[in-house]
N, C-alpha and C. Protein backbone atom coordinates (compact mmCIF):
# COMPACT_ATOMS: atom_id res chain seq x y z
N MET A 1 -47.56 67.11 82.01
CA MET A 1 -46.38 67.06 81.17
C MET A 1 -45.97 65.62 80.91
N LYS A 2 -45.98 64.79 81.96
CA LYS A 2 -45.59 63.41 81.78
C LYS A 2 -46.60 62.66 80.92
N LYS A 3 -47.87 63.02 81.03
CA LYS A 3 -48.90 62.36 80.25
C LYS A 3 -48.65 62.58 78.75
N ARG A 4 -48.24 63.78 78.37
CA ARG A 4 -47.93 64.08 76.97
C ARG A 4 -46.76 63.25 76.49
N ASN A 5 -45.74 63.11 77.32
CA ASN A 5 -44.58 62.30 76.94
C ASN A 5 -44.97 60.85 76.72
N VAL A 6 -45.82 60.33 77.60
CA VAL A 6 -46.28 58.95 77.46
C VAL A 6 -47.09 58.80 76.18
N GLU A 7 -47.99 59.74 75.91
CA GLU A 7 -48.79 59.68 74.69
C GLU A 7 -47.90 59.75 73.45
N ALA A 8 -46.92 60.62 73.44
CA ALA A 8 -46.00 60.74 72.31
C ALA A 8 -45.21 59.45 72.12
N PHE A 9 -44.77 58.86 73.22
CA PHE A 9 -44.02 57.61 73.16
C PHE A 9 -44.88 56.49 72.57
N ILE A 10 -46.12 56.41 73.03
CA ILE A 10 -47.03 55.37 72.54
C ILE A 10 -47.29 55.57 71.05
N MET A 11 -47.50 56.80 70.60
CA MET A 11 -47.71 57.07 69.17
C MET A 11 -46.49 56.69 68.36
N THR A 12 -45.31 57.00 68.86
CA THR A 12 -44.08 56.65 68.15
C THR A 12 -43.95 55.15 68.01
N ILE A 13 -44.21 54.41 69.06
CA ILE A 13 -44.14 52.95 69.02
C ILE A 13 -45.18 52.41 68.03
N ALA A 14 -46.37 52.98 68.03
CA ALA A 14 -47.42 52.52 67.12
C ALA A 14 -47.02 52.72 65.67
N VAL A 15 -46.46 53.87 65.35
CA VAL A 15 -46.03 54.15 63.98
C VAL A 15 -44.90 53.22 63.57
N ILE A 16 -43.92 53.03 64.43
CA ILE A 16 -42.80 52.14 64.14
C ILE A 16 -43.32 50.71 63.93
N SER A 17 -44.24 50.28 64.77
CA SER A 17 -44.80 48.94 64.63
C SER A 17 -45.53 48.79 63.31
N LEU A 18 -46.31 49.78 62.94
CA LEU A 18 -47.07 49.72 61.70
C LEU A 18 -46.13 49.64 60.51
N VAL A 19 -45.11 50.47 60.47
CA VAL A 19 -44.15 50.46 59.35
C VAL A 19 -43.37 49.16 59.33
N SER A 20 -42.91 48.68 60.48
CA SER A 20 -42.11 47.46 60.50
C SER A 20 -42.93 46.23 60.13
N CYS A 21 -44.22 46.25 60.36
CA CYS A 21 -45.07 45.12 59.99
C CYS A 21 -45.29 45.05 58.49
N THR A 22 -45.17 46.16 57.80
CA THR A 22 -45.45 46.17 56.38
C THR A 22 -44.19 46.10 55.53
N THR A 23 -43.01 46.29 56.12
CA THR A 23 -41.79 46.21 55.34
C THR A 23 -41.12 44.85 55.56
N VAL A 24 -40.50 44.36 54.50
CA VAL A 24 -39.82 43.07 54.54
C VAL A 24 -38.49 43.19 53.81
N SER A 25 -37.64 42.20 54.01
CA SER A 25 -36.38 42.15 53.28
C SER A 25 -36.67 41.83 51.82
N PHE A 26 -35.83 42.36 50.93
CA PHE A 26 -36.00 42.04 49.52
C PHE A 26 -34.66 42.12 48.80
N GLN A 27 -34.60 41.47 47.67
CA GLN A 27 -33.44 41.54 46.80
C GLN A 27 -33.78 42.50 45.67
N PRO A 28 -32.99 43.56 45.48
CA PRO A 28 -33.29 44.52 44.40
C PRO A 28 -33.25 43.89 43.00
N VAL A 29 -32.52 42.78 42.86
CA VAL A 29 -32.49 42.07 41.57
C VAL A 29 -32.96 40.64 41.82
N VAL A 30 -34.02 40.26 41.12
CA VAL A 30 -34.57 38.91 41.24
C VAL A 30 -34.25 38.17 39.94
N GLU A 31 -33.47 37.11 40.06
CA GLU A 31 -33.19 36.27 38.89
C GLU A 31 -34.46 35.52 38.55
N GLY A 32 -34.83 35.51 37.29
CA GLY A 32 -36.02 34.81 36.85
C GLY A 32 -35.89 33.31 37.09
N ARG A 33 -37.01 32.64 37.06
CA ARG A 33 -37.03 31.20 37.26
C ARG A 33 -36.18 30.53 36.19
N GLY A 34 -35.54 29.43 36.58
CA GLY A 34 -34.68 28.70 35.65
C GLY A 34 -35.44 28.22 34.42
N MET A 35 -34.84 28.46 33.27
CA MET A 35 -35.46 28.06 32.01
C MET A 35 -34.48 27.23 31.21
N GLU A 36 -35.01 26.32 30.42
CA GLU A 36 -34.14 25.51 29.56
C GLU A 36 -33.46 26.43 28.55
N LYS A 37 -32.17 26.21 28.35
CA LYS A 37 -31.38 27.02 27.43
C LYS A 37 -31.28 26.32 26.09
N PRO A 38 -31.18 27.00 24.99
CA PRO A 38 -31.31 28.45 24.88
C PRO A 38 -32.79 28.86 24.94
N VAL A 39 -33.00 30.04 25.45
CA VAL A 39 -34.35 30.58 25.57
C VAL A 39 -34.73 31.22 24.23
N ASP A 40 -35.94 30.99 23.79
CA ASP A 40 -36.46 31.61 22.57
C ASP A 40 -36.83 33.06 22.92
N LEU A 41 -36.08 34.02 22.38
CA LEU A 41 -36.27 35.43 22.75
C LEU A 41 -37.65 35.97 22.37
N ASP A 42 -38.16 35.57 21.23
CA ASP A 42 -39.49 36.06 20.83
C ASP A 42 -40.56 35.58 21.81
N LYS A 43 -40.47 34.33 22.21
CA LYS A 43 -41.44 33.78 23.17
C LYS A 43 -41.28 34.42 24.54
N LEU A 44 -40.04 34.68 24.95
CA LEU A 44 -39.81 35.31 26.25
C LEU A 44 -40.32 36.74 26.24
N ARG A 45 -40.03 37.48 25.19
CA ARG A 45 -40.50 38.86 25.08
C ARG A 45 -42.04 38.88 25.16
N ASN A 46 -42.68 37.97 24.45
CA ASN A 46 -44.14 37.88 24.47
C ASN A 46 -44.65 37.49 25.86
N ALA A 47 -43.98 36.56 26.51
CA ALA A 47 -44.38 36.13 27.86
C ALA A 47 -44.30 37.29 28.85
N ILE A 48 -43.28 38.11 28.72
CA ILE A 48 -43.12 39.27 29.61
C ILE A 48 -44.25 40.27 29.36
N ARG A 49 -44.53 40.56 28.11
CA ARG A 49 -45.60 41.51 27.77
C ARG A 49 -46.96 41.02 28.30
N ILE A 50 -47.24 39.74 28.13
CA ILE A 50 -48.50 39.19 28.62
C ILE A 50 -48.58 39.31 30.14
N ALA A 51 -47.49 38.99 30.85
CA ALA A 51 -47.47 39.10 32.32
C ALA A 51 -47.72 40.54 32.76
N PHE A 52 -47.10 41.50 32.07
CA PHE A 52 -47.36 42.90 32.41
C PHE A 52 -48.85 43.21 32.29
N GLY A 53 -49.48 42.75 31.22
CA GLY A 53 -50.90 43.01 31.01
C GLY A 53 -51.78 42.37 32.07
N ILE A 54 -51.46 41.14 32.45
CA ILE A 54 -52.25 40.43 33.46
C ILE A 54 -52.24 41.17 34.79
N TYR A 55 -51.07 41.71 35.17
CA TYR A 55 -50.94 42.38 36.47
C TYR A 55 -50.96 43.91 36.39
N ASN A 56 -51.37 44.44 35.25
CA ASN A 56 -51.55 45.90 35.07
C ASN A 56 -50.27 46.72 35.23
N TRP A 57 -49.14 46.16 34.83
CA TRP A 57 -47.90 46.94 34.74
C TRP A 57 -47.94 47.71 33.43
N ARG A 58 -47.49 48.97 33.44
CA ARG A 58 -47.44 49.81 32.24
C ARG A 58 -46.01 49.84 31.71
N VAL A 59 -45.82 49.48 30.45
CA VAL A 59 -44.49 49.53 29.86
C VAL A 59 -44.14 50.99 29.59
N VAL A 60 -43.01 51.42 30.15
CA VAL A 60 -42.53 52.79 29.98
C VAL A 60 -41.59 52.86 28.79
N SER A 61 -40.73 51.85 28.65
CA SER A 61 -39.83 51.79 27.50
C SER A 61 -39.47 50.33 27.23
N ALA A 62 -39.05 50.08 25.98
CA ALA A 62 -38.70 48.72 25.60
C ALA A 62 -37.57 48.75 24.57
N THR A 63 -36.65 47.80 24.69
CA THR A 63 -35.60 47.60 23.70
C THR A 63 -35.58 46.12 23.36
N ASN A 64 -34.59 45.69 22.61
CA ASN A 64 -34.47 44.29 22.24
C ASN A 64 -34.01 43.40 23.38
N SER A 65 -33.66 44.01 24.52
CA SER A 65 -33.17 43.19 25.64
C SER A 65 -33.73 43.59 27.00
N GLU A 66 -34.60 44.60 27.04
CA GLU A 66 -35.16 45.00 28.33
C GLU A 66 -36.47 45.75 28.18
N PHE A 67 -37.24 45.69 29.26
CA PHE A 67 -38.45 46.49 29.43
C PHE A 67 -38.28 47.29 30.71
N VAL A 68 -38.79 48.51 30.71
CA VAL A 68 -38.96 49.27 31.95
C VAL A 68 -40.46 49.43 32.11
N ALA A 69 -40.96 49.08 33.30
CA ALA A 69 -42.41 49.11 33.53
C ALA A 69 -42.72 49.71 34.89
N GLU A 70 -43.93 50.26 35.00
CA GLU A 70 -44.41 50.86 36.25
C GLU A 70 -45.71 50.19 36.67
N PHE A 71 -45.90 50.16 37.97
CA PHE A 71 -47.15 49.67 38.55
C PHE A 71 -47.59 50.67 39.59
N GLY A 72 -48.85 51.05 39.57
CA GLY A 72 -49.34 52.02 40.53
C GLY A 72 -50.62 51.57 41.19
N LYS A 73 -50.81 51.97 42.44
CA LYS A 73 -52.02 51.68 43.21
C LYS A 73 -52.48 52.97 43.87
N GLY A 74 -53.76 53.03 44.14
CA GLY A 74 -54.32 54.17 44.85
C GLY A 74 -54.65 55.30 43.90
N SER A 75 -55.32 56.31 44.45
CA SER A 75 -55.68 57.45 43.62
C SER A 75 -54.41 58.17 43.18
N ASN A 76 -54.35 58.46 41.90
CA ASN A 76 -53.18 59.12 41.30
C ASN A 76 -51.89 58.34 41.53
N ASP A 77 -52.00 57.02 41.63
CA ASP A 77 -50.83 56.16 41.81
C ASP A 77 -49.91 56.64 42.94
N LYS A 78 -50.51 56.89 44.12
CA LYS A 78 -49.72 57.33 45.27
C LYS A 78 -48.68 56.29 45.66
N VAL A 79 -48.99 55.04 45.38
CA VAL A 79 -48.04 53.95 45.61
C VAL A 79 -47.62 53.46 44.23
N GLN A 80 -46.31 53.53 43.96
CA GLN A 80 -45.85 53.20 42.63
C GLN A 80 -44.50 52.51 42.68
N ALA A 81 -44.30 51.57 41.77
CA ALA A 81 -43.02 50.88 41.64
C ALA A 81 -42.59 50.89 40.18
N THR A 82 -41.29 51.05 39.97
CA THR A 82 -40.71 50.98 38.63
C THR A 82 -39.67 49.88 38.64
N ILE A 83 -39.74 49.01 37.63
CA ILE A 83 -38.80 47.90 37.51
C ILE A 83 -38.21 47.86 36.11
N LYS A 84 -37.11 47.12 35.98
CA LYS A 84 -36.51 46.85 34.69
C LYS A 84 -36.43 45.33 34.55
N VAL A 85 -36.89 44.81 33.44
CA VAL A 85 -36.79 43.38 33.17
C VAL A 85 -35.81 43.20 32.02
N ASP A 86 -34.62 42.70 32.34
CA ASP A 86 -33.62 42.37 31.33
C ASP A 86 -33.85 40.94 30.89
N TYR A 87 -33.70 40.66 29.60
CA TYR A 87 -33.87 39.29 29.13
C TYR A 87 -32.88 39.00 28.00
N SER A 88 -32.52 37.73 27.91
CA SER A 88 -31.59 37.26 26.89
C SER A 88 -31.84 35.78 26.66
N ASP A 89 -31.01 35.16 25.82
CA ASP A 89 -31.18 33.73 25.57
C ASP A 89 -30.79 32.89 26.79
N ALA A 90 -30.30 33.54 27.85
CA ALA A 90 -29.99 32.84 29.10
C ALA A 90 -31.14 32.91 30.10
N GLY A 91 -32.14 33.78 29.87
CA GLY A 91 -33.25 33.93 30.80
C GLY A 91 -33.59 35.39 31.03
N TYR A 92 -34.07 35.70 32.23
CA TYR A 92 -34.48 37.07 32.53
C TYR A 92 -34.23 37.38 34.01
N LYS A 93 -34.21 38.68 34.31
CA LYS A 93 -34.13 39.12 35.70
C LYS A 93 -34.98 40.37 35.85
N ILE A 94 -35.50 40.55 37.05
CA ILE A 94 -36.35 41.69 37.38
C ILE A 94 -35.60 42.54 38.38
N GLU A 95 -35.39 43.81 38.03
CA GLU A 95 -34.59 44.70 38.86
C GLU A 95 -35.41 45.89 39.35
N TYR A 96 -35.32 46.15 40.66
CA TYR A 96 -35.96 47.33 41.26
C TYR A 96 -35.27 48.57 40.70
N VAL A 97 -36.06 49.56 40.29
CA VAL A 97 -35.51 50.83 39.80
C VAL A 97 -35.84 51.96 40.75
N ASP A 98 -37.14 52.08 41.10
CA ASP A 98 -37.56 53.20 41.94
C ASP A 98 -38.96 52.90 42.48
N SER A 99 -39.38 53.67 43.48
CA SER A 99 -40.73 53.52 44.00
C SER A 99 -41.14 54.76 44.77
N GLN A 100 -42.44 54.87 44.99
CA GLN A 100 -43.02 55.91 45.84
C GLN A 100 -44.02 55.24 46.76
N GLY A 101 -43.99 55.61 48.01
CA GLY A 101 -44.97 55.10 48.97
C GLY A 101 -44.75 53.66 49.40
N LEU A 102 -43.59 53.08 49.11
CA LEU A 102 -43.33 51.69 49.48
C LEU A 102 -42.24 51.56 50.55
N ASN A 103 -41.83 52.65 51.13
CA ASN A 103 -40.83 52.65 52.20
C ASN A 103 -39.56 51.89 51.82
N ALA A 104 -39.10 52.06 50.59
CA ALA A 104 -37.91 51.35 50.13
C ALA A 104 -36.67 51.90 50.83
N ASP A 105 -35.83 50.99 51.29
CA ASP A 105 -34.55 51.33 51.91
C ASP A 105 -33.51 50.40 51.29
N LEU A 106 -32.82 50.89 50.27
CA LEU A 106 -31.86 50.04 49.56
C LEU A 106 -30.65 49.68 50.41
N GLU A 107 -30.28 50.54 51.33
CA GLU A 107 -29.15 50.24 52.21
C GLU A 107 -29.44 49.01 53.08
N HIS A 108 -30.64 48.95 53.62
CA HIS A 108 -31.03 47.82 54.47
C HIS A 108 -31.79 46.74 53.70
N LYS A 109 -32.04 47.00 52.41
CA LYS A 109 -32.76 46.07 51.53
C LYS A 109 -34.12 45.69 52.11
N THR A 110 -34.90 46.73 52.43
CA THR A 110 -36.27 46.53 52.89
C THR A 110 -37.22 47.35 52.03
N ILE A 111 -38.45 46.85 51.93
CA ILE A 111 -39.47 47.52 51.14
C ILE A 111 -40.83 47.00 51.61
N HIS A 112 -41.88 47.67 51.25
CA HIS A 112 -43.22 47.22 51.60
C HIS A 112 -43.45 45.83 51.03
N ARG A 113 -44.10 45.00 51.80
CA ARG A 113 -44.29 43.59 51.41
C ARG A 113 -45.05 43.44 50.10
N ASN A 114 -45.89 44.41 49.75
CA ASN A 114 -46.64 44.31 48.50
C ASN A 114 -45.72 44.29 47.29
N TYR A 115 -44.62 45.05 47.34
CA TYR A 115 -43.68 45.04 46.21
C TYR A 115 -43.15 43.64 45.97
N VAL A 116 -42.78 42.97 47.02
CA VAL A 116 -42.25 41.61 46.90
C VAL A 116 -43.30 40.69 46.28
N ARG A 117 -44.53 40.83 46.71
CA ARG A 117 -45.63 40.02 46.15
C ARG A 117 -45.82 40.34 44.67
N TRP A 118 -45.80 41.63 44.31
CA TRP A 118 -45.99 42.02 42.91
C TRP A 118 -44.91 41.42 42.02
N VAL A 119 -43.66 41.48 42.48
CA VAL A 119 -42.56 40.94 41.68
C VAL A 119 -42.62 39.42 41.61
N ASN A 120 -42.95 38.77 42.71
CA ASN A 120 -43.08 37.31 42.69
C ASN A 120 -44.20 36.86 41.74
N ASN A 121 -45.32 37.56 41.76
CA ASN A 121 -46.41 37.24 40.85
C ASN A 121 -45.98 37.42 39.39
N LEU A 122 -45.28 38.51 39.13
CA LEU A 122 -44.81 38.78 37.77
C LEU A 122 -43.83 37.71 37.31
N ASP A 123 -42.89 37.36 38.18
CA ASP A 123 -41.91 36.32 37.87
C ASP A 123 -42.60 35.00 37.52
N LYS A 124 -43.52 34.59 38.35
CA LYS A 124 -44.24 33.34 38.13
C LYS A 124 -45.02 33.39 36.81
N GLN A 125 -45.66 34.52 36.55
CA GLN A 125 -46.49 34.63 35.34
C GLN A 125 -45.63 34.64 34.08
N ILE A 126 -44.47 35.27 34.11
CA ILE A 126 -43.57 35.25 32.95
C ILE A 126 -43.19 33.81 32.62
N TYR A 127 -42.80 33.08 33.64
CA TYR A 127 -42.40 31.67 33.47
C TYR A 127 -43.55 30.84 32.89
N LEU A 128 -44.74 30.98 33.48
CA LEU A 128 -45.90 30.22 33.00
C LEU A 128 -46.25 30.59 31.56
N ASN A 129 -46.23 31.88 31.25
CA ASN A 129 -46.57 32.33 29.91
C ASN A 129 -45.58 31.79 28.88
N TYR A 130 -44.31 31.73 29.25
CA TYR A 130 -43.29 31.24 28.33
C TYR A 130 -43.58 29.78 27.97
N TYR A 131 -43.82 28.96 28.95
CA TYR A 131 -44.00 27.54 28.69
C TYR A 131 -45.38 27.21 28.12
N ARG A 132 -46.35 28.09 28.26
CA ARG A 132 -47.66 27.88 27.63
C ARG A 132 -47.58 28.06 26.11
N GLN A 133 -46.56 28.77 25.65
CA GLN A 133 -46.41 29.03 24.21
C GLN A 133 -45.74 27.88 23.48
N LEU A 134 -45.13 26.95 24.19
CA LEU A 134 -44.40 25.86 23.52
C LEU A 134 -45.32 24.86 22.88
């Protein structure tokens, strides 16, 4: 009986360790990198679209001031993130909308570390794409 309790305890610790190693703190809204004002909206819109293509984000919807995009990994996109990118002549921001398989906890502001990497890569690429067009 005690052996089962010890085994269960060890499994619980292992699972907690695995999950805690892969989740990190995050900000649900990431302000885009500082850009010289006023921002050229056509160039920014184009820079965002190019960044989505480079990192395989799928645009779900688009307006004159925002994009909603999804990114999926694994078979049948078992791991998926949805973001909203708002943009204006003041710049842009990337906002977490929803996810599956990323252990998101908005109350504690934690999520799988890959989400943070995906958003950081996207942010950097938008900025680079914008200034490459000048």
